[in-house]
Amino acid sequence: MVSGRPSPRYEAVTDGIAVRVVPRFMHDESSPVRGKFFWSYMVEIENQSDQAWTLTHRHWRIVDVAGRQQEVDGEGVVGQTPRLEPGESFRYTSGAPLSAPSGIMSGHYRFENDAGVALHAVIPAFSLDSPYDRAQPS
């Protein structure tokens, strides 16, 4: 980040599934003059429960500062459907483009256990802030 401050970390725990997200504004991949702003985000999913879970689907809701919304649904994450045994974690990095200098993302992951029971784990709402958003606090 330009300011030198560390990126914030967001966390939510749902029935023993912890989801942590750290977003980062990508200066080199953004072009504010062209209305192109890009963030990467690192996600860590930790199984704190006493049973194995397989991540089967994801759902994202992305809203930019201008109020434009996107919904993203898909199988797994980054082409994978990781199975997490108790105590295991899975990490991945992905990205989000916006045509505005800031926004917010949230959503959920769908997991299934070996008996076919589904669990929707909350992805905490996290802020996509760039240094080009004049509305953000300093």
C-alpha atoms as a PDB file:
ATOM      1  CA  MET A   1       0.000   0.000   0.000  1.00  0.00           C
ATOM      2  CA  VAL A   2       1.127   3.538  -0.634  1.00  0.00           C
ATOM      3  CA  SER A   3       0.672   4.576   2.983  1.00  0.00           C
ATOM      4  CA  GLY A   4       2.917   1.782   4.266  1.00  0.00           C
ATOM      5  CA  ARG A   5       0.130   0.521   6.527  1.00  0.00           C
ATOM      6  CA  PRO A   6      -0.340  -3.252   6.563  1.00  0.00           C
ATOM      7  CA  SER A   7      -3.363  -4.639   4.760  1.00  0.00           C
ATOM      8  CA  PRO A   8      -6.318  -5.307   7.076  1.00  0.00           C
ATOM      9  CA  ARG A   9      -7.322  -8.880   7.877  1.00  0.00           C
ATOM     10  CA  TYR A  10     -10.985  -9.890   7.998  1.00  0.00           C
ATOM     11  CA  GLU A  11     -12.260 -13.079   9.665  1.00  0.00           C
ATOM     12  CA  ALA A  12     -15.516 -14.993  10.158  1.00  0.00           C
ATOM     13  CA  VAL A  13     -16.116 -18.397  11.768  1.00  0.00           C
ATOM     14  CA  THR A  14     -19.178 -20.490  10.894  1.00  0.00           C
ATOM     15  CA  ASP A  15     -19.699 -23.822  12.655  1.00  0.00           C
ATOM     16  CA  GLY A  16     -15.968 -24.439  12.973  1.00  0.00           C
ATOM     17  CA  ILE A  17     -14.947 -23.179   9.514  1.00  0.00           C
ATOM     18  CA  ALA A  18     -12.760 -20.079   9.824  1.00  0.00           C
ATOM     19  CA  VAL A  19     -12.406 -17.854   6.761  1.00  0.00           C
ATOM     20  CA  ARG A  20      -9.729 -15.145   6.791  1.00  0.00           C
ATOM     21  CA  VAL A  21      -9.229 -12.620   3.987  1.00  0.00           C
ATOM     22  CA  VAL A  22      -6.441 -10.109   3.372  1.00  0.00           C
ATOM     23  CA  PRO A  23      -7.095  -7.774   0.390  1.00  0.00           C
ATOM     24  CA  ARG A  24      -4.369  -5.727  -1.299  1.00  0.00           C
ATOM     25  CA  PHE A  25      -4.676  -2.976  -3.897  1.00  0.00           C
ATOM     26  CA  MET A  26      -2.537  -3.755  -6.958  1.00  0.00           C
ATOM     27  CA  HIS A  27      -0.982  -0.515  -8.206  1.00  0.00           C
ATOM     28  CA  ASP A  28       0.840  -2.139 -11.131  1.00  0.00           C
ATOM     29  CA  GLU A  29      -2.330  -3.743 -12.516  1.00  0.00           C
ATOM     30  CA  SER A  30      -4.544  -0.683 -12.057  1.00  0.00           C
ATOM     31  CA  SER A  31      -5.044   2.321 -14.313  1.00  0.00           C
ATOM     32  CA  PRO A  32      -7.062   5.004 -12.508  1.00  0.00           C
ATOM     33  CA  VAL A  33      -7.061   7.201 -15.638  1.00  0.00           C
ATOM     34  CA  ARG A  34      -8.871   4.404 -17.491  1.00  0.00           C
ATOM     35  CA  GLY A  35     -11.184   3.623 -14.567  1.00  0.00           C
ATOM     36  CA  LYS A  36      -9.473   0.288 -13.899  1.00  0.00           C
ATOM     37  CA  PHE A  37      -8.762  -0.696 -10.288  1.00  0.00           C
ATOM     38  CA  PHE A  38      -7.525  -4.154  -9.314  1.00  0.00           C
ATOM     39  CA  TRP A  39      -7.172  -5.941  -5.962  1.00  0.00           C
ATOM     40  CA  SER A  40      -5.732  -9.282  -5.036  1.00  0.00           C
ATOM     41  CA  TYR A  41      -6.998 -11.056  -1.970  1.00  0.00           C
ATOM     42  CA  MET A  42      -5.512 -13.937  -0.043  1.00  0.00           C
ATOM     43  CA  VAL A  43      -7.996 -16.321   1.571  1.00  0.00           C
ATOM     44  CA  GLU A  44      -7.212 -18.835   4.280  1.00  0.00           C
ATOM     45  CA  ILE A  45      -9.857 -21.400   5.192  1.00  0.00           C
ATOM     46  CA  GLU A  46      -9.261 -23.399   8.369  1.00  0.00           C
ATOM     47  CA  ASN A  47     -11.275 -26.386   9.531  1.00  0.00           C
ATOM     48  CA  GLN A  48     -11.583 -25.981  13.300  1.00  0.00           C
ATOM     49  CA  SER A  49     -14.374 -28.574  13.513  1.00  0.00           C
ATOM     50  CA  ASP A  50     -14.131 -32.266  14.376  1.00  0.00           C
ATOM     51  CA  GLN A  51     -15.114 -33.547  10.913  1.00  0.00           C
ATOM     52  CA  ALA A  52     -13.839 -33.335   7.342  1.00  0.00           C
ATOM     53  CA  TRP A  53     -15.436 -30.842   4.944  1.00  0.00           C
ATOM     54  CA  THR A  54     -15.087 -30.421   1.168  1.00  0.00           C
ATOM     55  CA  LEU A  55     -15.489 -26.962  -0.362  1.00  0.00           C
ATOM     56  CA  THR A  56     -17.866 -27.454  -3.293  1.00  0.00           C
ATOM     57  CA  HIS A  57     -19.054 -23.952  -4.326  1.00  0.00           C
ATOM     58  CA  ARG A  58     -18.462 -20.255  -3.825  1.00  0.00           C
ATOM     59  CA  HIS A  59     -20.760 -17.236  -3.965  1.00  0.00           C
ATOM     60  CA  TRP A  60     -19.425 -13.669  -4.059  1.00  0.00           C
ATOM     61  CA  ARG A  61     -21.265 -10.355  -3.933  1.00  0.00           C
ATOM     62  CA  ILE A  62     -19.195  -7.386  -5.076  1.00  0.00           C
ATOM     63  CA  VAL A  63     -20.468  -3.813  -4.760  1.00  0.00           C
ATOM     64  CA  ASP A  64     -18.445  -0.810  -5.857  1.00  0.00           C
ATOM     65  CA  VAL A  65     -18.621   2.707  -4.435  1.00  0.00           C
ATOM     66  CA  ALA A  66     -20.995   3.736  -7.244  1.00  0.00           C
ATOM     67  CA  GLY A  67     -23.470   1.029  -6.185  1.00  0.00           C
ATOM     68  CA  ARG A  68     -22.839  -1.337  -9.115  1.00  0.00           C
ATOM     69  CA  GLN A  69     -23.257  -4.969  -8.031  1.00  0.00           C
ATOM     70  CA  GLN A  70     -21.851  -8.235  -9.322  1.00  0.00           C
ATOM     71  CA  GLU A  71     -22.787 -11.736  -8.179  1.00  0.00           C
ATOM     72  CA  VAL A  72     -20.304 -14.542  -8.840  1.00  0.00           C
ATOM     73  CA  ASP A  73     -21.163 -18.201  -8.363  1.00  0.00           C
ATOM     74  CA  GLY A  74     -19.007 -21.174  -9.197  1.00  0.00           C
ATOM     75  CA  GLU A  75     -17.658 -24.556  -8.328  1.00  0.00           C
ATOM     76  CA  GLY A  76     -14.832 -24.689  -5.794  1.00  0.00           C
ATOM     77  CA  VAL A  77     -12.122 -22.036  -5.712  1.00  0.00           C
ATOM     78  CA  VAL A  78      -9.260 -21.427  -8.167  1.00  0.00           C
ATOM     79  CA  GLY A  79     -10.181 -24.635  -9.985  1.00  0.00           C
ATOM     80  CA  GLN A  80     -10.059 -26.779  -6.854  1.00  0.00           C
ATOM     81  CA  THR A  81     -12.526 -28.368  -4.429  1.00  0.00           C
ATOM     82  CA  PRO A  82     -10.284 -28.813  -1.387  1.00  0.00           C
ATOM     83  CA  ARG A  83     -11.092 -31.346   1.314  1.00  0.00           C
ATOM     84  CA  LEU A  84     -10.125 -30.158   4.782  1.00  0.00           C
ATOM     85  CA  GLU A  85      -9.624 -32.654   7.573  1.00  0.00           C
ATOM     86  CA  PRO A  86      -9.977 -31.364  11.159  1.00  0.00           C
ATOM     87  CA  GLY A  87      -7.149 -28.898  11.846  1.00  0.00           C
ATOM     88  CA  GLU A  88      -6.200 -28.454   8.182  1.00  0.00           C
ATOM     89  CA  SER A  89      -6.068 -25.171   6.265  1.00  0.00           C
ATOM     90  CA  PHE A  90      -6.217 -24.189   2.620  1.00  0.00           C
ATOM     91  CA  ARG A  91      -4.910 -20.919   1.168  1.00  0.00           C
ATOM     92  CA  TYR A  92      -5.362 -19.333  -2.202  1.00  0.00           C
ATOM     93  CA  THR A  93      -5.016 -15.948  -3.865  1.00  0.00           C
ATOM     94  CA  SER A  94      -7.409 -14.472  -6.385  1.00  0.00           C
ATOM     95  CA  GLY A  95      -8.300 -11.039  -7.704  1.00  0.00           C
ATOM     96  CA  ALA A  96     -11.107  -8.595  -8.320  1.00  0.00           C
ATOM     97  CA  PRO A  97     -11.294  -5.783 -10.885  1.00  0.00           C
ATOM     98  CA  LEU A  98     -13.552  -2.775 -10.375  1.00  0.00           C
ATOM     99  CA  SER A  99     -14.267   0.281 -12.487  1.00  0.00           C
ATOM    100  CA  ALA A 100     -14.459   2.409  -9.320  1.00  0.00           C
ATOM    101  CA  PRO A 101     -11.726   3.209  -6.765  1.00  0.00           C
ATOM    102  CA  SER A 102     -13.312   1.258  -3.912  1.00  0.00           C
ATOM    103  CA  GLY A 103     -15.892  -1.350  -3.058  1.00  0.00           C
ATOM    104  CA  ILE A 104     -16.761  -4.228  -0.787  1.00  0.00           C
ATOM    105  CA  MET A 105     -16.881  -7.997  -1.227  1.00  0.00           C
ATOM    106  CA  SER A 106     -18.709 -10.635   0.787  1.00  0.00           C
ATOM    107  CA  GLY A 107     -20.171 -14.065   0.258  1.00  0.00           C
ATOM    108  CA  HIS A 108     -20.128 -17.663   1.386  1.00  0.00           C
ATOM    109  CA  TYR A 109     -18.574 -21.036   0.640  1.00  0.00           C
ATOM    110  CA  ARG A 110     -20.659 -24.197   0.445  1.00  0.00           C
ATOM    111  CA  PHE A 111     -19.085 -27.215   2.088  1.00  0.00           C
ATOM    112  CA  GLU A 112     -20.248 -30.818   2.312  1.00  0.00           C
ATOM    113  CA  ASN A 113     -19.229 -33.434   4.842  1.00  0.00           C
ATOM    114  CA  ASP A 114     -18.901 -37.170   4.136  1.00  0.00           C
ATOM    115  CA  ALA A 115     -22.603 -37.724   4.907  1.00  0.00           C
ATOM    116  CA  GLY A 116     -23.610 -35.133   2.284  1.00  0.00           C
ATOM    117  CA  VAL A 117     -24.661 -32.529   4.876  1.00  0.00           C
ATOM    118  CA  ALA A 118     -24.157 -28.968   3.567  1.00  0.00           C
ATOM    119  CA  LEU A 119     -22.664 -26.028   5.452  1.00  0.00           C
ATOM    120  CA  HIS A 120     -22.594 -22.420   4.224  1.00  0.00           C
ATOM    121  CA  ALA A 121     -19.533 -20.726   5.709  1.00  0.00           C
ATOM    122  CA  VAL A 122     -19.591 -16.932   5.752  1.00  0.00           C
ATOM    123  CA  ILE A 123     -16.899 -15.048   3.877  1.00  0.00           C
ATOM    124  CA  PRO A 124     -16.485 -11.868   5.920  1.00  0.00           C
ATOM    125  CA  ALA A 125     -17.313  -8.603   4.171  1.00  0.00           C
ATOM    126  CA  PHE A 126     -14.037  -6.945   3.278  1.00  0.00           C
ATOM    127  CA  SER A 127     -13.202  -3.541   1.973  1.00  0.00           C
ATOM    128  CA  LEU A 128     -11.512  -2.877  -1.357  1.00  0.00           C
ATOM    129  CA  ASP A 129      -9.910   0.502  -0.745  1.00  0.00           C
ATOM    130  CA  SER A 130      -7.534   2.246  -3.083  1.00  0.00           C
ATOM    131  CA  PRO A 131      -5.571   5.436  -2.508  1.00  0.00           C
ATOM    132  CA  TYR A 132      -7.608   6.950  -5.373  1.00  0.00           C
ATOM    133  CA  ASP A 133     -10.861   7.023  -3.413  1.00  0.00           C
ATOM    134  CA  ARG A 134     -11.210  10.538  -2.030  1.00  0.00           C
ATOM    135  CA  ALA A 135     -14.147   9.465   0.173  1.00  0.00           C
ATOM    136  CA  GLN A 136     -12.112   7.114   2.358  1.00  0.00           C
ATOM    137  CA  PRO A 137     -10.860   8.376   5.719  1.00  0.00           C
ATOM    138  CA  SER A 138      -7.168   9.151   6.073  1.00  0.00           C
END
